[in-house]
Amino acid sequence: MRELEILLLVLYGLCLVFILGFSLTQLHLTRLARRAYQRPTAPPPAAPLHWPRVTVQLPIYNEMYVVERIIAAAARLDYPANRLHIQVLDDSTDETVALAAAQVAHFRRLGLRIDHVRRPTREGYKAGALAHGLQETDGEFVAIFDADFVPEPDFLRRTIPHFTSPKTGVVQTRWTHLNEDYSLLTELQAFGLNAHFLIEQVGRSLGGHFINFNGTGGVWRQQCIEDAGGWQADTLTEDLDLSYRAQLRGWQFTYLPFVQAPAELPAALDALKSQQYRWTKGAAETARKHLGKVVRSEQKFSTKLHAVFHLLNSTVFVAILLMAVLSVPLVFIREYIPEFKPVFRLASVCILGFLPLTYYFYTAWRLDHPTTPVVHFLPRFVLFLAVSMGLSLHNTRAVLAGLARKPSAFIRTPKTGVLRGQRNGAGIRRYRTGGLTGFTIVEGLLALYFLFGLGTGVYFGNYGLLPFHGLLTLGFGFVFYYSLRHRRAAP
């Protein structure tokens, strides 16, 4: 029996060390990003004497609520018309097809070179659509926008000049949010994404580490795509996969935090879960595909280290879930086996290593809210942390499926065209990705499980894990509640 208790402690400790390592890499990126923002802003590159040919690809699949908006936004791009080609890569099976066709016909009559590209099958999903489109265009550069984006008219004029070096393969811009104020759920998503775009991408760029094309809101050099092996559909994150293949081939990526690409956030929890599943499973698939290549590459050690944690960032959810489940029996172990108490004190000190994540998110929040009183940060950070923990069961399932190479379809993230102060309940119901499942019930049971751990800690007077159990109870309760709430909104 004592061996089982030691095993639980060892597993808990290994998870803690892994999360600490991830936290410290984020701290390093935060320091790099702060250094970048302290530098004088460099003037933008001069416009080229002759603007190159650019293809704008709009991958579409059943986007009836936003398809007209994205096509109109692409048509408004301020770029020489004789150097611009817009492709609506439409794999839709519903009313989206007719809406897209009408929009394409309208702008073609106005003189734009715009095509409505239809494939006989949806083979390869988004990666397949992008690859198919490249066979029917002559663009030297390729800008990609998902259906929920609304690029500003000057987007191409602000990004194309940054391809000053022939080794620059990608220029990525920062996502901003059209519907951040729609609900608490969208506010929390914006909180997390802002840290990635304001800190992580900036730090990786300044440090010369691998960054990733974020799937949309960026521009590729066509030659870079071809040299890296083209779009491939063997992972659900074709963007991360191609990013690593290109950078391992020596291509350089440029990140522009001051050029914004506004987009819509998922407005319902099932849509968010669909997106999270695709991102975390795809990241695990990409890690399995490229981790060994990165370790064996000739990159400097710090770049390899950051790349390892970058590729394994979705695995953090596995560590969080395992720690969480083990933490409740550990309360009893500490109480009834006194000789293990020094181990718990050491674990308590190690938990202080999570403070770098607070610094990471605070720095991003302060950049986005320079005049907001600091008192507003803490409750938002605590709730974001709790909800991230509450999604750990869902995301762990995705990570394990990715590592096990379990095949799954590319499930689109529903977009409903909602903006600040608006509601589109019909859109949310129309494009639901799922309802109440067995995993949802388990999430509710886990909320009760961690509530029991919270009460047990109070009963024994053991308060070390109290904050952890409180966050877990809140997070799993939040996810379970919103799953039920959005389920009731279904038709």
Protein backbone atom coordinates (compact mmCIF):
# COMPACT_ATOMS: atom_id res chain seq x y z
CA MET A 1 0.00 0.00 0.00
CA ARG A 2 2.88 2.35 0.82
CA GLU A 3 4.23 1.80 -2.71
CA LEU A 4 0.95 3.08 -4.19
CA GLU A 5 1.13 6.21 -2.08
CA ILE A 6 4.71 6.84 -3.17
CA LEU A 7 3.68 6.33 -6.80
CA LEU A 8 0.92 8.94 -6.42
CA LEU A 9 3.43 11.41 -4.99
CA VAL A 10 5.93 10.74 -7.78
CA LEU A 11 3.29 11.23 -10.50
CA TYR A 12 2.09 14.40 -8.84
CA GLY A 13 5.66 15.68 -8.62
CA LEU A 14 6.45 14.92 -12.26
CA CYS A 15 3.36 16.83 -13.38
CA LEU A 16 4.37 19.73 -11.17
CA VAL A 17 7.89 19.81 -12.63
CA PHE A 18 6.57 19.74 -16.21
CA ILE A 19 4.19 22.62 -15.57
CA LEU A 20 6.97 24.52 -13.81
CA GLY A 21 9.20 24.09 -16.87
CA PHE A 22 6.44 25.39 -19.13
CA SER A 23 5.87 28.31 -16.76
CA LEU A 24 9.56 29.26 -16.78
CA THR A 25 9.73 29.27 -20.58
CA GLN A 26 6.74 31.64 -20.61
CA LEU A 27 8.61 33.84 -18.12
CA HIS A 28 11.58 33.98 -20.47
CA LEU A 29 9.32 34.92 -23.38
CA THR A 30 7.75 37.64 -21.24
CA ARG A 31 11.14 39.17 -20.51
CA LEU A 32 12.02 39.07 -24.21
CA ALA A 33 8.71 40.69 -25.13
CA ARG A 34 9.13 43.48 -22.58
CA ARG A 35 12.55 44.18 -24.08
CA ALA A 36 10.96 44.36 -27.54
CA TYR A 37 8.32 46.85 -26.44
CA GLN A 38 10.97 49.04 -24.78
CA ARG A 39 12.81 49.47 -28.06
CA PRO A 40 12.00 52.44 -30.31
CA THR A 41 9.45 51.50 -32.92
CA ALA A 42 11.22 50.92 -36.22
CA PRO A 43 9.80 52.74 -39.24
CA PRO A 44 7.91 50.48 -41.64
CA PRO A 45 9.76 49.27 -44.72
CA ALA A 46 9.36 51.30 -47.86
CA ALA A 47 6.70 50.20 -50.29
CA PRO A 48 8.10 48.12 -53.16
CA LEU A 49 8.57 49.85 -56.50
CA HIS A 50 6.44 47.16 -58.10
CA TRP A 51 3.81 45.47 -55.94
CA PRO A 52 4.02 41.67 -56.28
CA ARG A 53 1.13 39.43 -57.26
CA VAL A 54 -0.91 38.44 -54.19
CA THR A 55 -3.53 35.73 -53.86
CA VAL A 56 -6.06 36.11 -51.04
CA GLN A 57 -7.47 32.73 -50.02
CA LEU A 58 -10.75 32.52 -48.08
CA PRO A 59 -11.34 28.89 -46.96
CA ILE A 60 -15.10 28.48 -46.39
CA TYR A 61 -17.22 25.63 -45.08
CA ASN A 62 -20.88 26.26 -44.16
CA GLU A 63 -20.46 29.89 -43.11
CA MET A 64 -23.82 31.39 -44.10
CA TYR A 65 -23.75 34.03 -41.34
CA VAL A 66 -20.32 35.46 -42.16
CA VAL A 67 -19.48 34.51 -45.76
CA GLU A 68 -20.74 37.77 -47.25
CA ARG A 69 -18.84 39.78 -44.64
CA ILE A 70 -15.45 38.15 -45.32
CA ILE A 71 -15.81 38.34 -49.11
CA ALA A 72 -16.75 42.02 -48.88
CA ALA A 73 -13.78 42.67 -46.58
CA ALA A 74 -11.40 40.96 -49.02
CA ALA A 75 -12.85 42.99 -51.88
CA ARG A 76 -12.12 46.21 -49.94
CA LEU A 77 -8.40 45.44 -49.66
CA ASP A 78 -6.45 48.43 -50.93
CA TYR A 79 -4.10 46.81 -53.44
CA PRO A 80 -3.49 47.21 -57.19
CA ALA A 81 -6.37 45.34 -58.80
CA ASN A 82 -4.17 43.92 -61.56
CA ARG A 83 -1.90 42.34 -58.92
CA LEU A 84 -4.64 40.86 -56.73
CA HIS A 85 -6.47 37.55 -57.00
CA ILE A 86 -9.18 36.55 -54.48
CA GLN A 87 -10.14 32.88 -54.12
CA VAL A 88 -13.26 31.85 -52.23
CA LEU A 89 -12.37 28.22 -51.46
CA ASP A 90 -15.88 27.01 -50.77
CA ASP A 91 -16.43 23.41 -49.58
CA SER A 92 -19.90 24.24 -48.22
CA THR A 93 -22.97 22.02 -48.39
CA ASP A 94 -25.68 24.53 -47.35
CA GLU A 95 -26.99 27.99 -48.28
CA THR A 96 -23.46 29.35 -48.02
CA VAL A 97 -22.80 28.23 -51.61
CA ALA A 98 -25.49 30.50 -53.08
CA LEU A 99 -24.53 33.44 -50.88
CA ALA A 100 -20.87 33.14 -51.85
CA ALA A 101 -21.69 32.78 -55.54
CA ALA A 102 -23.79 35.94 -55.49
CA GLN A 103 -21.06 37.93 -53.73
CA VAL A 104 -18.38 36.68 -56.12
CA ALA A 105 -20.52 37.57 -59.13
CA HIS A 106 -21.17 41.05 -57.70
CA PHE A 107 -17.50 41.91 -57.21
CA ARG A 108 -16.48 40.32 -60.48
CA ARG A 109 -18.88 42.72 -62.25
CA LEU A 110 -17.01 45.54 -60.48
CA GLY A 111 -13.78 44.42 -62.10
CA LEU A 112 -12.14 42.35 -59.36
CA ARG A 113 -10.33 39.13 -60.17
CA ILE A 114 -12.26 36.87 -57.80
CA ASP A 115 -13.10 33.19 -58.18
CA HIS A 116 -15.57 30.88 -56.46
CA VAL A 117 -13.57 27.64 -56.18
CA ARG A 118 -15.55 24.44 -55.58
CA ARG A 119 -14.04 20.97 -55.12
CA PRO A 120 -15.81 17.67 -55.79
CA THR A 121 -14.97 16.44 -52.27
CA ARG A 122 -13.76 17.93 -49.00
CA GLU A 123 -10.65 15.77 -49.01
CA GLY A 124 -7.92 17.15 -46.76
CA TYR A 125 -10.34 19.66 -45.21
CA LYS A 126 -8.80 23.15 -44.89
CA ALA A 127 -5.31 22.00 -45.88
CA GLY A 128 -6.76 20.32 -48.96
CA ALA A 129 -8.70 23.45 -49.92
CA LEU A 130 -5.63 25.69 -49.58
CA ALA A 131 -3.48 23.30 -51.61
CA HIS A 132 -6.16 23.00 -54.30
CA GLY A 133 -6.42 26.78 -54.58
CA LEU A 134 -2.68 27.17 -55.11
CA GLN A 135 -2.96 25.07 -58.26
CA GLU A 136 -5.28 27.67 -59.78
CA THR A 137 -3.45 30.92 -59.08
CA ASP A 138 -0.20 32.69 -59.94
CA GLY A 139 0.33 34.71 -56.75
CA GLU A 140 3.88 35.19 -55.46
CA PHE A 141 2.41 35.71 -52.00
CA VAL A 142 -0.65 34.16 -50.38
CA ALA A 143 -2.75 35.88 -47.71
CA ILE A 144 -5.16 33.65 -45.78
CA PHE A 145 -8.26 34.70 -43.86
CA ASP A 146 -10.72 32.37 -42.15
CA ALA A 147 -14.41 33.16 -42.53
CA ASP A 148 -14.68 34.91 -39.15
CA PHE A 149 -12.03 37.54 -39.99
CA VAL A 150 -12.55 41.08 -41.24
CA PRO A 151 -9.18 42.40 -42.47
CA GLU A 152 -8.63 46.14 -42.65
CA PRO A 153 -8.33 47.62 -46.18
CA ASP A 154 -4.63 48.46 -45.69
CA PHE A 155 -3.69 44.92 -44.53
CA LEU A 156 -1.67 43.98 -47.62
CA ARG A 157 0.03 47.36 -47.92
CA ARG A 158 1.24 46.98 -44.30
CA THR A 159 2.41 43.38 -44.56
CA ILE A 160 3.83 42.82 -48.06
CA PRO A 161 6.69 45.39 -47.62
CA HIS A 162 8.05 43.25 -44.74
CA PHE A 163 9.13 40.55 -47.20
CA THR A 164 12.40 42.44 -47.59
CA SER A 165 14.59 39.34 -47.31
CA PRO A 166 14.25 36.47 -49.79
CA LYS A 167 14.39 34.10 -46.80
CA THR A 168 11.29 35.63 -45.17
CA GLY A 169 8.62 32.99 -45.62
CA VAL A 170 5.74 34.32 -43.49
CA VAL A 171 4.47 37.60 -42.09
CA GLN A 172 1.96 36.99 -39.28
CA THR A 173 -0.22 39.67 -37.67
CA ARG A 174 -2.00 39.93 -34.32
CA TRP A 175 -5.56 38.76 -33.90
CA THR A 176 -7.99 41.18 -32.29
CA HIS A 177 -11.60 40.46 -31.40
CA LEU A 178 -14.83 41.70 -32.97
CA ASN A 179 -17.05 40.36 -30.17
CA GLU A 180 -14.87 40.37 -27.06
CA ASP A 181 -17.68 42.05 -25.05
CA TYR A 182 -20.36 39.60 -26.22
CA SER A 183 -20.26 37.50 -23.04
CA LEU A 184 -18.04 36.40 -20.18
CA LEU A 185 -17.02 33.42 -22.31
CA THR A 186 -15.70 35.61 -25.13
CA GLU A 187 -13.97 37.94 -22.66
CA LEU A 188 -12.04 35.02 -21.17
CA GLN A 189 -11.04 33.77 -24.62
CA ALA A 190 -9.75 37.22 -25.52
CA PHE A 191 -7.80 37.32 -22.25
CA GLY A 192 -5.92 34.14 -23.16
CA LEU A 193 -5.40 34.90 -26.86
CA ASN A 194 -4.06 38.37 -26.11
CA ALA A 195 -1.27 36.85 -24.04
CA HIS A 196 -0.27 34.64 -26.96
CA PHE A 197 -0.26 37.48 -29.48
CA LEU A 198 1.10 40.28 -27.30
CA ILE A 199 3.73 38.30 -25.40
CA GLU A 200 4.46 34.80 -26.70
CA GLN A 201 4.73 35.59 -30.41
CA VAL A 202 6.70 38.78 -29.71
CA GLY A 203 9.12 36.99 -27.38
CA ARG A 204 9.69 34.12 -29.79
CA SER A 205 10.30 36.54 -32.64
CA LEU A 206 12.83 38.67 -30.73
CA GLY A 207 14.63 35.61 -29.36
CA GLY A 208 15.00 34.07 -32.81
CA HIS A 209 12.91 31.07 -31.73
CA PHE A 210 10.34 29.17 -33.78
CA ILE A 211 7.00 30.92 -34.02
CA ASN A 212 3.89 29.70 -35.79
CA PHE A 213 1.63 30.95 -38.51
CA ASN A 214 -1.72 31.12 -36.72
CA GLY A 215 -3.76 29.67 -39.57
CA THR A 216 -5.16 33.01 -40.66
CA GLY A 217 -4.39 36.73 -40.58
CA GLY A 218 -1.00 36.26 -42.24
CA VAL A 219 0.82 36.10 -45.56
CA TRP A 220 2.98 33.29 -46.97
CA ARG A 221 5.60 33.44 -49.69
CA GLN A 222 4.41 30.89 -52.26
CA GLN A 223 7.98 29.59 -52.72
CA CYS A 224 8.20 28.90 -48.95
CA ILE A 225 5.04 26.77 -49.02
CA GLU A 226 6.37 24.72 -51.92
CA ASP A 227 9.88 24.33 -50.47
CA ALA A 228 8.50 23.13 -47.10
CA GLY A 229 6.40 20.42 -48.75
CA GLY A 230 3.08 22.21 -49.18
CA TRP A 231 -0.09 21.97 -47.14
CA GLN A 232 -0.52 18.52 -45.57
CA ALA A 233 -3.64 17.12 -43.92
CA ASP A 234 -2.10 14.53 -41.58
CA THR A 235 -2.61 16.85 -38.57
CA LEU A 236 -5.57 19.02 -37.53
CA THR A 237 -3.25 22.02 -37.19
CA GLU A 238 -1.95 22.29 -40.73
CA ASP A 239 -0.70 25.79 -39.90
CA LEU A 240 1.58 24.69 -37.03
CA ASP A 241 2.79 21.71 -39.06
CA LEU A 242 3.81 23.79 -42.08
CA SER A 243 5.34 26.44 -39.81
CA TYR A 244 7.75 23.93 -38.31
CA ARG A 245 8.57 22.32 -41.63
CA ALA A 246 9.38 25.73 -43.11
CA GLN A 247 11.52 26.92 -40.19
CA LEU A 248 13.41 23.63 -40.07
CA ARG A 249 14.21 24.33 -43.73
CA GLY A 250 15.71 27.70 -42.75
CA TRP A 251 12.83 30.04 -43.62
CA GLN A 252 12.37 33.10 -41.41
CA PHE A 253 9.07 34.29 -39.96
CA THR A 254 8.19 37.91 -39.17
CA TYR A 255 5.60 38.84 -36.56
CA LEU A 256 3.86 42.23 -36.57
CA PRO A 257 2.07 42.87 -33.25
CA PHE A 258 0.97 46.34 -34.34
CA VAL A 259 -0.88 45.15 -37.44
CA GLN A 260 -4.28 43.83 -36.38
CA ALA A 261 -6.52 41.20 -37.91
CA PRO A 262 -10.00 41.47 -36.31
CA ALA A 263 -11.91 38.20 -35.88
CA GLU A 264 -14.94 36.67 -34.19
CA LEU A 265 -14.60 34.53 -31.06
CA PRO A 266 -16.75 31.40 -30.50
CA ALA A 267 -19.93 32.53 -28.72
CA ALA A 268 -21.07 29.18 -27.29
CA LEU A 269 -19.24 26.63 -25.17
CA ASP A 270 -19.69 23.75 -27.61
CA ALA A 271 -18.11 25.90 -30.33
CA LEU A 272 -15.21 26.73 -28.01
CA LYS A 273 -14.79 23.04 -27.15
CA SER A 274 -14.75 22.18 -30.85
CA GLN A 275 -12.01 24.73 -31.46
CA GLN A 276 -10.04 23.60 -28.40
CA TYR A 277 -10.27 19.96 -29.44
CA ARG A 278 -8.92 20.72 -32.91
CA TRP A 279 -6.11 22.92 -31.59
CA THR A 280 -4.97 20.56 -28.82
CA LYS A 281 -5.28 17.35 -30.85
CA GLY A 282 -3.53 18.96 -33.80
CA ALA A 283 -0.73 20.28 -31.58
CA ALA A 284 -0.20 16.76 -30.19
CA GLU A 285 -0.15 15.35 -33.72
CA THR A 286 2.37 17.98 -34.80
CA ALA A 287 4.53 17.27 -31.74
CA ARG A 288 4.59 13.60 -32.61
CA LYS A 289 5.53 14.49 -36.19
CA HIS A 290 8.27 17.06 -35.51
CA LEU A 291 9.59 16.77 -31.95
CA GLY A 292 12.39 14.39 -32.90
CA LYS A 293 13.38 16.53 -35.89
CA VAL A 294 13.59 19.61 -33.69
CA VAL A 295 15.77 17.89 -31.08
CA ARG A 296 18.11 16.54 -33.78
CA SER A 297 18.28 19.85 -35.66
CA GLU A 298 21.22 22.25 -35.60
CA GLN A 299 19.24 24.97 -33.83
CA LYS A 300 20.72 26.57 -30.72
CA PHE A 301 19.81 24.93 -27.41
CA SER A 302 17.46 27.71 -26.24
CA THR A 303 15.50 27.51 -29.50
CA LYS A 304 15.22 23.74 -29.17
CA LEU A 305 14.02 24.08 -25.56
CA HIS A 306 11.38 26.64 -26.47
CA ALA A 307 10.30 24.54 -29.45
CA VAL A 308 9.88 21.46 -27.25
CA PHE A 309 7.59 23.28 -24.81
CA HIS A 310 5.83 25.00 -27.72
CA LEU A 311 5.02 21.69 -29.36
CA LEU A 312 4.06 20.12 -26.04
CA ASN A 313 1.99 23.03 -24.73
CA SER A 314 -1.27 21.11 -25.16
CA THR A 315 0.19 18.36 -22.95
CA VAL A 316 -0.02 20.80 -20.05
CA PHE A 317 -3.73 19.92 -19.87
CA VAL A 318 -2.84 16.27 -19.28
CA ALA A 319 -0.52 17.26 -16.43
CA ILE A 320 -3.16 19.55 -14.91
CA LEU A 321 -5.86 16.87 -15.02
CA LEU A 322 -3.59 14.21 -13.55
CA MET A 323 -2.44 16.55 -10.77
CA ALA A 324 -6.02 17.51 -10.07
CA VAL A 325 -7.30 13.95 -9.77
CA LEU A 326 -4.36 12.94 -7.56
CA SER A 327 -4.62 15.98 -5.32
CA VAL A 328 -7.70 14.80 -3.40
CA PRO A 329 -6.23 11.47 -2.18
CA LEU A 330 -3.03 13.37 -1.36
CA VAL A 331 -4.98 15.31 1.27
CA PHE A 332 -5.63 12.01 3.06
CA ILE A 333 -2.06 10.80 2.58
CA ARG A 334 -0.73 13.95 4.20
CA GLU A 335 -3.12 13.60 7.11
CA TYR A 336 -2.61 9.90 7.87
CA ILE A 337 1.06 9.42 6.94
CA PRO A 338 2.97 12.13 8.85
CA GLU A 339 6.39 11.21 7.41
CA PHE A 340 5.22 12.52 4.01
CA LYS A 341 4.55 16.04 5.34
CA PRO A 342 8.02 17.38 4.35
CA VAL A 343 7.27 16.33 0.75
CA PHE A 344 4.09 18.38 0.81
CA ARG A 345 5.97 21.40 2.12
CA LEU A 346 8.43 21.06 -0.77
CA ALA A 347 5.49 20.83 -3.19
CA SER A 348 4.05 24.01 -1.70
CA VAL A 349 7.31 25.83 -2.42
CA CYS A 350 7.33 24.47 -5.99
CA ILE A 351 3.83 25.80 -6.53
CA LEU A 352 5.33 29.29 -6.24
CA GLY A 353 6.85 28.51 -9.63
CA PHE A 354 3.40 29.17 -11.10
CA LEU A 355 3.90 32.85 -10.37
CA PRO A 356 5.65 33.37 -13.74
CA LEU A 357 2.34 32.63 -15.46
CA THR A 358 0.75 35.43 -13.46
CA TYR A 359 3.49 37.77 -14.66
CA TYR A 360 3.05 36.52 -18.24
CA PHE A 361 -0.69 37.19 -18.31
CA TYR A 362 -0.43 40.43 -16.34
CA THR A 363 2.09 41.87 -18.80
CA ALA A 364 -0.20 41.07 -21.72
CA TRP A 365 -3.24 42.46 -19.90
CA ARG A 366 -1.41 45.69 -19.04
CA LEU A 367 -0.38 46.17 -22.68
CA ASP A 368 -4.01 45.74 -23.74
CA HIS A 369 -5.42 47.83 -20.85
CA PRO A 370 -2.77 50.48 -20.12
CA THR A 371 -5.06 52.75 -18.10
CA THR A 372 -7.32 50.21 -16.35
CA PRO A 373 -6.78 49.89 -12.56
CA VAL A 374 -4.79 46.78 -11.69
CA VAL A 375 -7.55 45.57 -9.37
CA HIS A 376 -9.50 44.49 -12.46
CA PHE A 377 -6.79 42.04 -13.52
CA LEU A 378 -6.85 39.54 -10.65
CA PRO A 379 -10.49 38.34 -10.85
CA ARG A 380 -10.22 37.96 -14.64
CA PHE A 381 -6.97 36.01 -14.32
CA VAL A 382 -8.35 33.73 -11.59
CA LEU A 383 -11.47 32.97 -13.62
CA PHE A 384 -9.43 32.35 -16.78
CA LEU A 385 -7.15 29.98 -14.87
CA ALA A 386 -10.14 28.17 -13.41
CA VAL A 387 -11.90 27.73 -16.76
CA SER A 388 -8.65 26.51 -18.36
CA MET A 389 -8.50 23.86 -15.63
CA GLY A 390 -12.16 23.08 -16.24
CA LEU A 391 -11.39 22.32 -19.89
CA SER A 392 -8.55 19.96 -18.96
CA LEU A 393 -10.67 16.78 -19.25
CA HIS A 394 -11.92 17.75 -22.71
CA ASN A 395 -8.46 18.78 -23.91
CA THR A 396 -6.71 15.77 -22.38
CA ARG A 397 -8.98 13.55 -24.42
CA ALA A 398 -7.91 15.48 -27.54
CA VAL A 399 -4.20 15.27 -26.69
CA LEU A 400 -4.30 11.53 -26.09
CA ALA A 401 -6.19 11.02 -29.36
CA GLY A 402 -3.52 13.04 -31.16
CA LEU A 403 -0.61 11.15 -29.62
CA ALA A 404 -2.34 7.85 -30.42
CA ARG A 405 -2.90 8.94 -34.05
CA LYS A 406 -6.62 8.41 -33.69
CA PRO A 407 -8.21 9.75 -36.89
CA SER A 408 -10.90 12.41 -36.66
CA ALA A 409 -12.59 14.88 -38.96
CA PHE A 410 -11.72 18.57 -39.14
CA ILE A 411 -14.69 20.03 -37.23
CA ARG A 412 -15.16 23.68 -38.07
CA THR A 413 -15.65 26.27 -35.34
CA PRO A 414 -19.14 27.76 -35.82
CA LYS A 415 -19.25 31.47 -36.60
CA THR A 416 -22.47 33.39 -36.20
CA GLY A 417 -21.61 36.98 -37.12
CA VAL A 418 -22.13 38.28 -33.59
CA LEU A 419 -20.60 41.63 -32.69
CA ARG A 420 -20.55 43.78 -29.58
CA GLY A 421 -24.03 44.33 -28.23
CA GLN A 422 -25.63 41.89 -30.70
CA ARG A 423 -27.15 38.44 -30.35
CA ASN A 424 -27.65 35.69 -32.93
CA GLY A 425 -29.29 32.78 -31.15
CA ALA A 426 -30.42 31.28 -34.46
CA GLY A 427 -26.84 31.20 -35.69
CA ILE A 428 -25.61 29.55 -32.51
CA ARG A 429 -28.31 26.87 -32.77
CA ARG A 430 -27.85 26.35 -36.52
CA TYR A 431 -24.19 25.45 -36.32
CA ARG A 432 -24.02 23.50 -33.10
CA THR A 433 -21.13 21.03 -32.89
CA GLY A 434 -22.61 18.75 -30.24
CA GLY A 435 -24.83 18.53 -27.19
CA LEU A 436 -24.75 16.95 -23.75
CA THR A 437 -22.33 14.01 -23.71
CA GLY A 438 -20.97 11.57 -21.18
CA PHE A 439 -17.88 13.75 -20.83
CA THR A 440 -20.09 16.70 -19.88
CA ILE A 441 -21.58 14.62 -17.07
CA VAL A 442 -18.08 13.65 -15.93
CA GLU A 443 -17.15 17.34 -15.84
CA GLY A 444 -20.07 17.93 -13.48
CA LEU A 445 -19.01 15.00 -11.30
CA LEU A 446 -15.45 16.32 -11.20
CA ALA A 447 -16.75 19.66 -9.92
CA LEU A 448 -18.35 17.76 -7.02
CA TYR A 449 -15.17 15.70 -6.54
CA PHE A 450 -13.03 18.80 -6.12
CA LEU A 451 -15.65 20.38 -3.91
CA PHE A 452 -15.27 17.30 -1.70
CA GLY A 453 -11.49 17.83 -1.72
CA LEU A 454 -12.05 21.45 -0.74
CA GLY A 455 -14.23 20.42 2.20
CA THR A 456 -11.80 17.71 3.25
CA GLY A 457 -8.94 20.18 3.37
CA VAL A 458 -10.98 22.51 5.58
CA TYR A 459 -12.01 19.59 7.83
CA PHE A 460 -8.41 18.47 8.36
CA GLY A 461 -7.12 22.02 8.66
CA ASN A 462 -4.88 21.35 5.65
CA TYR A 463 -5.10 24.52 3.59
CA GLY A 464 -2.17 24.00 1.19
CA LEU A 465 -4.31 22.63 -1.65
CA LEU A 466 -7.32 24.81 -0.89
CA PRO A 467 -6.67 27.38 -3.67
CA PHE A 468 -6.06 24.58 -6.19
CA HIS A 469 -9.27 22.76 -5.28
CA GLY A 470 -11.17 26.03 -5.29
CA LEU A 471 -10.04 26.81 -8.85
CA LEU A 472 -10.87 23.28 -9.98
CA THR A 473 -14.34 23.39 -8.44
CA LEU A 474 -15.02 26.76 -10.03
CA GLY A 475 -13.59 25.76 -13.42
CA PHE A 476 -15.36 22.42 -13.84
CA GLY A 477 -18.55 23.93 -12.44
CA PHE A 478 -18.33 26.78 -14.97
CA VAL A 479 -17.78 24.41 -17.91
CA PHE A 480 -20.59 22.09 -16.78
CA TYR A 481 -23.01 24.98 -16.23
CA TYR A 482 -22.36 26.57 -19.62
CA SER A 483 -22.61 23.19 -21.32
CA LEU A 484 -26.11 22.77 -19.86
CA ARG A 485 -27.06 26.37 -20.55
CA HIS A 486 -26.07 26.23 -24.21
CA ARG A 487 -27.64 22.80 -24.52
CA ARG A 488 -30.98 24.33 -23.50
CA ALA A 489 -30.49 26.92 -26.24
CA ALA A 490 -30.53 24.16 -28.86
CA PRO A 491 -33.63 23.79 -31.01
